[in-house]
Amino acid sequence: MESQIILLIFILVLSIFLGVELITKVPSTLHTPLMSGANAISGITLVGAILSSGSSEIVTITLGTAAVFFATINVVGGYLVTNRMLGMFKKK
């Protein structure tokens, strides 16, 4: 059990370093399309969070509800930013 927790912490730290390295290498012109793709992934996270909120354990319900809240904010914000970005390209 303890080795499993250490492995999960190792994966978390490794993914943080990998994410920082990847984001610093992306040109600034590609940040908005990259975030649009990340928001699509947050939509998948939202579905998983809704499924986990239907559990019978109180800790799972609490974490699932928090995940639904934060993933919803991320998805809605991403669509608003993408819509605003696409609006800049429309002819007036």
PDB file of N, CA and C in Angstrom:
ATOM      1  N   MET A   1       0.823  -1.192   0.000  1.00  0.00           N
ATOM      2  CA  MET A   1       0.000   0.000   0.000  1.00  0.00           C
ATOM      3  C   MET A   1       0.868   1.259   0.000  1.00  0.00           C
ATOM      4  N   GLU A   2       1.901   1.250   0.821  1.00  0.00           N
ATOM      5  CA  GLU A   2       2.781   2.419   0.905  1.00  0.00           C
ATOM      6  C   GLU A   2       3.557   2.616  -0.389  1.00  0.00           C
ATOM      7  N   SER A   3       3.975   1.525  -1.016  1.00  0.00           N
ATOM      8  CA  SER A   3       4.710   1.649  -2.287  1.00  0.00           C
ATOM      9  C   SER A   3       3.800   2.158  -3.403  1.00  0.00           C
ATOM     10  N   GLN A   4       2.521   1.856  -3.321  1.00  0.00           N
ATOM     11  CA  GLN A   4       1.570   2.349  -4.316  1.00  0.00           C
ATOM     12  C   GLN A   4       1.389   3.862  -4.183  1.00  0.00           C
ATOM     13  N   ILE A   5       1.351   4.370  -2.968  1.00  0.00           N
ATOM     14  CA  ILE A   5       1.232   5.811  -2.746  1.00  0.00           C
ATOM     15  C   ILE A   5       2.474   6.524  -3.251  1.00  0.00           C
ATOM     16  N   ILE A   6       3.634   5.953  -2.996  1.00  0.00           N
ATOM     17  CA  ILE A   6       4.891   6.542  -3.477  1.00  0.00           C
ATOM     18  C   ILE A   6       4.916   6.557  -4.997  1.00  0.00           C
ATOM     19  N   LEU A   7       4.451   5.505  -5.621  1.00  0.00           N
ATOM     20  CA  LEU A   7       4.390   5.446  -7.078  1.00  0.00           C
ATOM     21  C   LEU A   7       3.441   6.515  -7.627  1.00  0.00           C
ATOM     22  N   LEU A   8       2.287   6.697  -7.002  1.00  0.00           N
ATOM     23  CA  LEU A   8       1.337   7.716  -7.454  1.00  0.00           C
ATOM     24  C   LEU A   8       1.908   9.127  -7.284  1.00  0.00           C
ATOM     25  N   ILE A   9       2.610   9.388  -6.192  1.00  0.00           N
ATOM     26  CA  ILE A   9       3.249  10.689  -5.995  1.00  0.00           C
ATOM     27  C   ILE A   9       4.336  10.907  -7.034  1.00  0.00           C
ATOM     28  N   PHE A  10       5.095   9.864  -7.336  1.00  0.00           N
ATOM     29  CA  PHE A  10       6.141   9.954  -8.361  1.00  0.00           C
ATOM     30  C   PHE A  10       5.531  10.297  -9.725  1.00  0.00           C
ATOM     31  N   ILE A  11       4.435   9.654 -10.076  1.00  0.00           N
ATOM     32  CA  ILE A  11       3.764   9.928 -11.353  1.00  0.00           C
ATOM     33  C   ILE A  11       3.235  11.362 -11.379  1.00  0.00           C
ATOM     34  N   LEU A  12       2.686  11.843 -10.261  1.00  0.00           N
ATOM     35  CA  LEU A  12       2.191  13.214 -10.183  1.00  0.00           C
ATOM     36  C   LEU A  12       3.321  14.221 -10.393  1.00  0.00           C
ATOM     37  N   VAL A  13       4.431  14.033  -9.704  1.00  0.00           N
ATOM     38  CA  VAL A  13       5.567  14.957  -9.840  1.00  0.00           C
ATOM     39  C   VAL A  13       6.133  14.900 -11.250  1.00  0.00           C
ATOM     40  N   LEU A  14       6.250  13.720 -11.802  1.00  0.00           N
ATOM     41  CA  LEU A  14       6.758  13.570 -13.167  1.00  0.00           C
ATOM     42  C   LEU A  14       5.842  14.254 -14.180  1.00  0.00           C
ATOM     43  N   SER A  15       4.532  14.128 -14.006  1.00  0.00           N
ATOM     44  CA  SER A  15       3.602  14.773 -14.935  1.00  0.00           C
ATOM     45  C   SER A  15       3.634  16.293 -14.799  1.00  0.00           C
ATOM     46  N   ILE A  16       3.879  16.798 -13.593  1.00  0.00           N
ATOM     47  CA  ILE A  16       4.004  18.247 -13.417  1.00  0.00           C
ATOM     48  C   ILE A  16       5.226  18.763 -14.168  1.00  0.00           C
ATOM     49  N   PHE A  17       6.364  18.102 -14.007  1.00  0.00           N
ATOM     50  CA  PHE A  17       7.576  18.523 -14.722  1.00  0.00           C
ATOM     51  C   PHE A  17       7.396  18.419 -16.235  1.00  0.00           C
ATOM     52  N   LEU A  18       6.776  17.343 -16.690  1.00  0.00           N
ATOM     53  CA  LEU A  18       6.541  17.176 -18.123  1.00  0.00           C
ATOM     54  C   LEU A  18       5.608  18.261 -18.661  1.00  0.00           C
ATOM     55  N   GLY A  19       4.550  18.578 -17.917  1.00  0.00           N
ATOM     56  CA  GLY A  19       3.625  19.623 -18.344  1.00  0.00           C
ATOM     57  C   GLY A  19       4.286  20.979 -18.439  1.00  0.00           C
ATOM     58  N   VAL A  20       5.123  21.310 -17.460  1.00  0.00           N
ATOM     59  CA  VAL A  20       5.827  22.589 -17.497  1.00  0.00           C
ATOM     60  C   VAL A  20       6.776  22.652 -18.687  1.00  0.00           C
ATOM     61  N   GLU A  21       7.488  21.590 -18.949  1.00  0.00           N
ATOM     62  CA  GLU A  21       8.411  21.554 -20.089  1.00  0.00           C
ATOM     63  C   GLU A  21       7.670  21.693 -21.414  1.00  0.00           C
ATOM     64  N   LEU A  22       6.548  21.016 -21.539  1.00  0.00           N
ATOM     65  CA  LEU A  22       5.789  21.095 -22.785  1.00  0.00           C
ATOM     66  C   LEU A  22       5.205  22.482 -23.013  1.00  0.00           C
ATOM     67  N   ILE A  23       4.656  23.080 -21.989  1.00  0.00           N
ATOM     68  CA  ILE A  23       4.025  24.396 -22.128  1.00  0.00           C
ATOM     69  C   ILE A  23       5.059  25.470 -22.443  1.00  0.00           C
ATOM     70  N   THR A  24       6.249  25.370 -21.860  1.00  0.00           N
ATOM     71  CA  THR A  24       7.272  26.385 -22.149  1.00  0.00           C
ATOM     72  C   THR A  24       7.801  26.285 -23.564  1.00  0.00           C
ATOM     73  N   LYS A  25       7.650  25.146 -24.209  1.00  0.00           N
ATOM     74  CA  LYS A  25       8.134  24.965 -25.572  1.00  0.00           C
ATOM     75  C   LYS A  25       7.107  25.353 -26.637  1.00  0.00           C
ATOM     76  N   VAL A  26       5.856  25.609 -26.236  1.00  0.00           N
ATOM     77  CA  VAL A  26       4.796  25.939 -27.190  1.00  0.00           C
ATOM     78  C   VAL A  26       4.867  27.437 -27.506  1.00  0.00           C
ATOM     79  N   PRO A  27       4.881  27.809 -28.796  1.00  0.00           N
ATOM     80  CA  PRO A  27       4.873  29.237 -29.136  1.00  0.00           C
ATOM     81  C   PRO A  27       3.578  29.902 -28.665  1.00  0.00           C
ATOM     82  N   SER A  28       3.651  31.195 -28.392  1.00  0.00           N
ATOM     83  CA  SER A  28       2.490  31.902 -27.840  1.00  0.00           C
ATOM     84  C   SER A  28       1.304  31.922 -28.798  1.00  0.00           C
ATOM     85  N   THR A  29       1.555  31.795 -30.100  1.00  0.00           N
ATOM     86  CA  THR A  29       0.443  31.791 -31.060  1.00  0.00           C
ATOM     87  C   THR A  29      -0.374  30.504 -30.999  1.00  0.00           C
ATOM     88  N   LEU A  30       0.177  29.479 -30.398  1.00  0.00           N
ATOM     89  CA  LEU A  30      -0.534  28.201 -30.324  1.00  0.00           C
ATOM     90  C   LEU A  30      -1.167  27.935 -28.967  1.00  0.00           C
ATOM     91  N   HIS A  31      -1.044  28.864 -28.014  1.00  0.00           N
ATOM     92  CA  HIS A  31      -1.588  28.608 -26.683  1.00  0.00           C
ATOM     93  C   HIS A  31      -3.103  28.473 -26.688  1.00  0.00           C
ATOM     94  N   THR A  32      -3.814  29.333 -27.422  1.00  0.00           N
ATOM     95  CA  THR A  32      -5.274  29.260 -27.411  1.00  0.00           C
ATOM     96  C   THR A  32      -5.792  27.980 -28.063  1.00  0.00           C
ATOM     97  N   PRO A  33      -5.278  27.558 -29.240  1.00  0.00           N
ATOM     98  CA  PRO A  33      -5.741  26.266 -29.771  1.00  0.00           C
ATOM     99  C   PRO A  33      -5.370  25.090 -28.873  1.00  0.00           C
ATOM    100  N   LEU A  34      -4.236  25.185 -28.205  1.00  0.00           N
ATOM    101  CA  LEU A  34      -3.847  24.118 -27.286  1.00  0.00           C
ATOM    102  C   LEU A  34      -4.809  24.049 -26.108  1.00  0.00           C
ATOM    103  N   MET A  35      -5.220  25.198 -25.605  1.00  0.00           N
ATOM    104  CA  MET A  35      -6.165  25.222 -24.496  1.00  0.00           C
ATOM    105  C   MET A  35      -7.549  24.740 -24.929  1.00  0.00           C
ATOM    106  N   SER A  36      -7.910  24.969 -26.181  1.00  0.00           N
ATOM    107  CA  SER A  36      -9.184  24.446 -26.670  1.00  0.00           C
ATOM    108  C   SER A  36      -9.186  22.918 -26.644  1.00  0.00           C
ATOM    109  N   GLY A  37      -8.073  22.341 -27.022  1.00  0.00           N
ATOM    110  CA  GLY A  37      -7.956  20.881 -26.949  1.00  0.00           C
ATOM    111  C   GLY A  37      -7.969  20.384 -25.520  1.00  0.00           C
ATOM    112  N   ALA A  38      -7.324  21.125 -24.632  1.00  0.00           N
ATOM    113  CA  ALA A  38      -7.317  20.734 -23.220  1.00  0.00           C
ATOM    114  C   ALA A  38      -8.713  20.825 -22.620  1.00  0.00           C
ATOM    115  N   ASN A  39      -9.510  21.771 -23.083  1.00  0.00           N
ATOM    116  CA  ASN A  39     -10.874  21.890 -22.573  1.00  0.00           C
ATOM    117  C   ASN A  39     -11.752  20.748 -23.057  1.00  0.00           C
ATOM    118  N   ALA A  40     -11.459  20.209 -24.220  1.00  0.00           N
ATOM    119  CA  ALA A  40     -12.192  19.024 -24.675  1.00  0.00           C
ATOM    120  C   ALA A  40     -11.894  17.847 -23.748  1.00  0.00           C
ATOM    121  N   ILE A  41     -10.659  17.756 -23.297  1.00  0.00           N
ATOM    122  CA  ILE A  41     -10.294  16.704 -22.347  1.00  0.00           C
ATOM    123  C   ILE A  41     -10.996  16.938 -21.009  1.00  0.00           C
ATOM    124  N   SER A  42     -11.173  18.208 -20.632  1.00  0.00           N
ATOM    125  CA  SER A  42     -11.891  18.505 -19.390  1.00  0.00           C
ATOM    126  C   SER A  42     -13.347  18.074 -19.483  1.00  0.00           C
ATOM    127  N   GLY A  43     -13.905  18.063 -20.681  1.00  0.00           N
ATOM    128  CA  GLY A  43     -15.257  17.543 -20.855  1.00  0.00           C
ATOM    129  C   GLY A  43     -15.335  16.065 -20.508  1.00  0.00           C
ATOM    130  N   ILE A  44     -14.300  15.335 -20.867  1.00  0.00           N
ATOM    131  CA  ILE A  44     -14.236  13.914 -20.511  1.00  0.00           C
ATOM    132  C   ILE A  44     -14.073  13.764 -19.001  1.00  0.00           C
ATOM    133  N   THR A  45     -13.270  14.632 -18.397  1.00  0.00           N
ATOM    134  CA  THR A  45     -13.101  14.635 -16.949  1.00  0.00           C
ATOM    135  C   THR A  45     -14.428  14.911 -16.247  1.00  0.00           C
ATOM    136  N   LEU A  46     -15.208  15.793 -16.843  1.00  0.00           N
ATOM    137  CA  LEU A  46     -16.510  16.131 -16.264  1.00  0.00           C
ATOM    138  C   LEU A  46     -17.423  14.910 -16.223  1.00  0.00           C
ATOM    139  N   VAL A  47     -17.412  14.130 -17.269  1.00  0.00           N
ATOM    140  CA  VAL A  47     -18.243  12.910 -17.292  1.00  0.00           C
ATOM    141  C   VAL A  47     -17.789  11.931 -16.211  1.00  0.00           C
ATOM    142  N   GLY A  48     -16.469  11.766 -16.072  1.00  0.00           N
ATOM    143  CA  GLY A  48     -15.952  10.883 -15.015  1.00  0.00           C
ATOM    144  C   GLY A  48     -16.282  11.385 -13.625  1.00  0.00           C
ATOM    145  N   ALA A  49     -16.235  12.704 -13.444  1.00  0.00           N
ATOM    146  CA  ALA A  49     -16.552  13.276 -12.140  1.00  0.00           C
ATOM    147  C   ALA A  49     -18.032  13.087 -11.804  1.00  0.00           C
ATOM    148  N   ILE A  50     -18.885  13.210 -12.799  1.00  0.00           N
ATOM    149  CA  ILE A  50     -20.321  12.990 -12.561  1.00  0.00           C
ATOM    150  C   ILE A  50     -20.566  11.530 -12.169  1.00  0.00           C
ATOM    151  N   LEU A  51     -19.872  10.620 -12.834  1.00  0.00           N
ATOM    152  CA  LEU A  51     -20.039   9.204 -12.490  1.00  0.00           C
ATOM    153  C   LEU A  51     -19.540   8.901 -11.076  1.00  0.00           C
ATOM    154  N   SER A  52     -18.418   9.524 -10.686  1.00  0.00           N
ATOM    155  CA  SER A  52     -17.896   9.254  -9.347  1.00  0.00           C
ATOM    156  C   SER A  52     -18.713   9.935  -8.262  1.00  0.00           C
ATOM    157  N   SER A  53     -19.452  10.982  -8.616  1.00  0.00           N
ATOM    158  CA  SER A  53     -20.306  11.645  -7.622  1.00  0.00           C
ATOM    159  C   SER A  53     -21.486  10.771  -7.212  1.00  0.00           C
ATOM    160  N   GLY A  54     -21.816   9.795  -8.009  1.00  0.00           N
ATOM    161  CA  GLY A  54     -22.934   8.909  -7.701  1.00  0.00           C
ATOM    162  C   GLY A  54     -22.562   7.738  -6.822  1.00  0.00           C
ATOM    163  N   SER A  55     -21.404   7.794  -6.196  1.00  0.00           N
ATOM    164  CA  SER A  55     -20.937   6.715  -5.336  1.00  0.00           C
ATOM    165  C   SER A  55     -21.685   6.726  -4.007  1.00  0.00           C
ATOM    166  N   SER A  56     -21.410   5.726  -3.192  1.00  0.00           N
ATOM    167  CA  SER A  56     -22.077   5.653  -1.890  1.00  0.00           C
ATOM    168  C   SER A  56     -21.190   6.145  -0.746  1.00  0.00           C
ATOM    169  N   GLU A  57     -19.901   6.379  -1.001  1.00  0.00           N
ATOM    170  CA  GLU A  57     -18.992   6.849   0.049  1.00  0.00           C
ATOM    171  C   GLU A  57     -18.961   8.374   0.070  1.00  0.00           C
ATOM    172  N   ILE A  58     -18.937   8.940   1.266  1.00  0.00           N
ATOM    173  CA  ILE A  58     -19.028  10.391   1.421  1.00  0.00           C
ATOM    174  C   ILE A  58     -17.785  11.099   0.869  1.00  0.00           C
ATOM    175  N   VAL A  59     -16.611  10.495   1.012  1.00  0.00           N
ATOM    176  CA  VAL A  59     -15.385  11.115   0.494  1.00  0.00           C
ATOM    177  C   VAL A  59     -15.424  11.160  -1.030  1.00  0.00           C
ATOM    178  N   THR A  60     -15.867  10.101  -1.643  1.00  0.00           N
ATOM    179  CA  THR A  60     -15.965  10.051  -3.096  1.00  0.00           C
ATOM    180  C   THR A  60     -17.006  11.035  -3.612  1.00  0.00           C
ATOM    181  N   ILE A  61     -18.115  11.147  -2.912  1.00  0.00           N
ATOM    182  CA  ILE A  61     -19.146  12.102  -3.309  1.00  0.00           C
ATOM    183  C   ILE A  61     -18.612  13.529  -3.224  1.00  0.00           C
ATOM    184  N   THR A  62     -17.905  13.839  -2.138  1.00  0.00           N
ATOM    185  CA  THR A  62     -17.363  15.188  -1.946  1.00  0.00           C
ATOM    186  C   THR A  62     -16.326  15.521  -3.011  1.00  0.00           C
ATOM    187  N   LEU A  63     -15.375  14.617  -3.237  1.00  0.00           N
ATOM    188  CA  LEU A  63     -14.342  14.860  -4.252  1.00  0.00           C
ATOM    189  C   LEU A  63     -14.943  14.903  -5.654  1.00  0.00           C
ATOM    190  N   GLY A  64     -15.916  14.033  -5.918  1.00  0.00           N
ATOM    191  CA  GLY A  64     -16.574  14.033  -7.230  1.00  0.00           C
ATOM    192  C   GLY A  64     -17.339  15.319  -7.485  1.00  0.00           C
ATOM    193  N   THR A  65     -18.008  15.825  -6.453  1.00  0.00           N
ATOM    194  CA  THR A  65     -18.747  17.079  -6.598  1.00  0.00           C
ATOM    195  C   THR A  65     -17.798  18.249  -6.832  1.00  0.00           C
ATOM    196  N   ALA A  66     -16.678  18.280  -6.115  1.00  0.00           N
ATOM    197  CA  ALA A  66     -15.670  19.328  -6.335  1.00  0.00           C
ATOM    198  C   ALA A  66     -15.099  19.229  -7.746  1.00  0.00           C
ATOM    199  N   ALA A  67     -14.865  18.010  -8.200  1.00  0.00           N
ATOM    200  CA  ALA A  67     -14.335  17.820  -9.559  1.00  0.00           C
ATOM    201  C   ALA A  67     -15.344  18.279 -10.606  1.00  0.00           C
ATOM    202  N   VAL A  68     -16.627  18.012 -10.384  1.00  0.00           N
ATOM    203  CA  VAL A  68     -17.669  18.485 -11.309  1.00  0.00           C
ATOM    204  C   VAL A  68     -17.660  20.010 -11.354  1.00  0.00           C
ATOM    205  N   PHE A  69     -17.561  20.646 -10.198  1.00  0.00           N
ATOM    206  CA  PHE A  69     -17.566  22.101 -10.125  1.00  0.00           C
ATOM    207  C   PHE A  69     -16.384  22.694 -10.893  1.00  0.00           C
ATOM    208  N   PHE A  70     -15.169  22.219 -10.608  1.00  0.00           N
ATOM    209  CA  PHE A  70     -13.983  22.793 -11.242  1.00  0.00           C
ATOM    210  C   PHE A  70     -13.892  22.450 -12.729  1.00  0.00           C
ATOM    211  N   ALA A  71     -14.284  21.252 -13.116  1.00  0.00           N
ATOM    212  CA  ALA A  71     -14.256  20.893 -14.538  1.00  0.00           C
ATOM    213  C   ALA A  71     -15.289  21.699 -15.318  1.00  0.00           C
ATOM    214  N   THR A  72     -16.435  21.984 -14.706  1.00  0.00           N
ATOM    215  CA  THR A  72     -17.445  22.804 -15.380  1.00  0.00           C
ATOM    216  C   THR A  72     -16.931  24.218 -15.603  1.00  0.00           C
ATOM    217  N   ILE A  73     -16.280  24.788 -14.593  1.00  0.00           N
ATOM    218  CA  ILE A  73     -15.685  26.117 -14.750  1.00  0.00           C
ATOM    219  C   ILE A  73     -14.657  26.108 -15.878  1.00  0.00           C
ATOM    220  N   ASN A  74     -13.835  25.075 -15.926  1.00  0.00           N
ATOM    221  CA  ASN A  74     -12.798  24.979 -16.957  1.00  0.00           C
ATOM    222  C   ASN A  74     -13.400  24.844 -18.351  1.00  0.00           C
ATOM    223  N   VAL A  75     -14.405  24.019 -18.505  1.00  0.00           N
ATOM    224  CA  VAL A  75     -15.023  23.804 -19.817  1.00  0.00           C
ATOM    225  C   VAL A  75     -15.738  25.073 -20.293  1.00  0.00           C
ATOM    226  N   VAL A  76     -16.529  25.684 -19.427  1.00  0.00           N
ATOM    227  CA  VAL A  76     -17.264  26.889 -19.824  1.00  0.00           C
ATOM    228  C   VAL A  76     -16.301  28.024 -20.143  1.00  0.00           C
ATOM    229  N   GLY A  77     -15.290  28.212 -19.304  1.00  0.00           N
ATOM    230  CA  GLY A  77     -14.291  29.247 -19.576  1.00  0.00           C
ATOM    231  C   GLY A  77     -13.546  29.000 -20.871  1.00  0.00           C
ATOM    232  N   GLY A  78     -13.232  27.757 -21.149  1.00  0.00           N
ATOM    233  CA  GLY A  78     -12.534  27.429 -22.392  1.00  0.00           C
ATOM    234  C   GLY A  78     -13.373  27.720 -23.621  1.00  0.00           C
ATOM    235  N   TYR A  79     -14.652  27.394 -23.547  1.00  0.00           N
ATOM    236  CA  TYR A  79     -15.508  27.686 -24.685  1.00  0.00           C
ATOM    237  C   TYR A  79     -15.696  29.189 -24.878  1.00  0.00           C
ATOM    238  N   LEU A  80     -15.759  29.940 -23.787  1.00  0.00           N
ATOM    239  CA  LEU A  80     -15.887  31.390 -23.908  1.00  0.00           C
ATOM    240  C   LEU A  80     -14.637  32.006 -24.536  1.00  0.00           C
ATOM    241  N   VAL A  81     -13.467  31.531 -24.113  1.00  0.00           N
ATOM    242  CA  VAL A  81     -12.217  32.041 -24.690  1.00  0.00           C
ATOM    243  C   VAL A  81     -12.120  31.664 -26.161  1.00  0.00           C
ATOM    244  N   THR A  82     -12.473  30.434 -26.499  1.00  0.00           N
ATOM    245  CA  THR A  82     -12.415  30.001 -27.897  1.00  0.00           C
ATOM    246  C   THR A  82     -13.400  30.792 -28.744  1.00  0.00           C
ATOM    247  N   ASN A  83     -14.590  31.030 -28.227  1.00  0.00           N
ATOM    248  CA  ASN A  83     -15.586  31.817 -28.958  1.00  0.00           C
ATOM    249  C   ASN A  83     -15.094  33.245 -29.183  1.00  0.00           C
ATOM    250  N   ARG A  84     -14.486  33.812 -28.180  1.00  0.00           N
ATOM    251  CA  ARG A  84     -13.940  35.172 -28.324  1.00  0.00           C
ATOM    252  C   ARG A  84     -12.816  35.201 -29.343  1.00  0.00           C
ATOM    253  N   MET A  85     -11.962  34.168 -29.332  1.00  0.00           N
ATOM    254  CA  MET A  85     -10.857  34.103 -30.283  1.00  0.00           C
ATOM    255  C   MET A  85     -11.392  33.977 -31.714  1.00  0.00           C
ATOM    256  N   LEU A  86     -12.389  33.137 -31.899  1.00  0.00           N
ATOM    257  CA  LEU A  86     -12.955  32.973 -33.235  1.00  0.00           C
ATOM    258  C   LEU A  86     -13.690  34.233 -33.692  1.00  0.00           C
ATOM    259  N   GLY A  87     -14.246  34.978 -32.740  1.00  0.00           N
ATOM    260  CA  GLY A  87     -14.908  36.232 -33.080  1.00  0.00           C
ATOM    261  C   GLY A  87     -13.956  37.282 -33.601  1.00  0.00           C
ATOM    262  N   MET A  88     -12.690  37.180 -33.267  1.00  0.00           N
ATOM    263  CA  MET A  88     -11.704  38.140 -33.774  1.00  0.00           C
ATOM    264  C   MET A  88     -11.458  37.963 -35.266  1.00  0.00           C
ATOM    265  N   PHE A  89     -11.750  36.778 -35.790  1.00  0.00           N
ATOM    266  CA  PHE A  89     -11.489  36.507 -37.193  1.00  0.00           C
ATOM    267  C   PHE A  89     -12.690  36.783 -38.097  1.00  0.00           C
ATOM    268  N   LYS A  90     -13.838  37.118 -37.522  1.00  0.00           N
ATOM    269  CA  LYS A  90     -15.031  37.411 -38.325  1.00  0.00           C
ATOM    270  C   LYS A  90     -14.913  38.795 -38.961  1.00  0.00           C
ATOM    271  N   LYS A  91     -15.424  38.890 -40.171  1.00  0.00           N
ATOM    272  CA  LYS A  91     -15.418  40.190 -40.843  1.00  0.00           C
ATOM    273  C   LYS A  91     -16.519  41.049 -40.276  1.00  0.00           C
ATOM    274  N   LYS A  92     -16.239  42.334 -40.172  1.00  0.00           N
ATOM    275  CA  LYS A  92     -17.223  43.266 -39.611  1.00  0.00           C
ATOM    276  C   LYS A  92     -18.098  43.872 -40.658  1.00  0.00           C
TER     277      LYS A  92
END
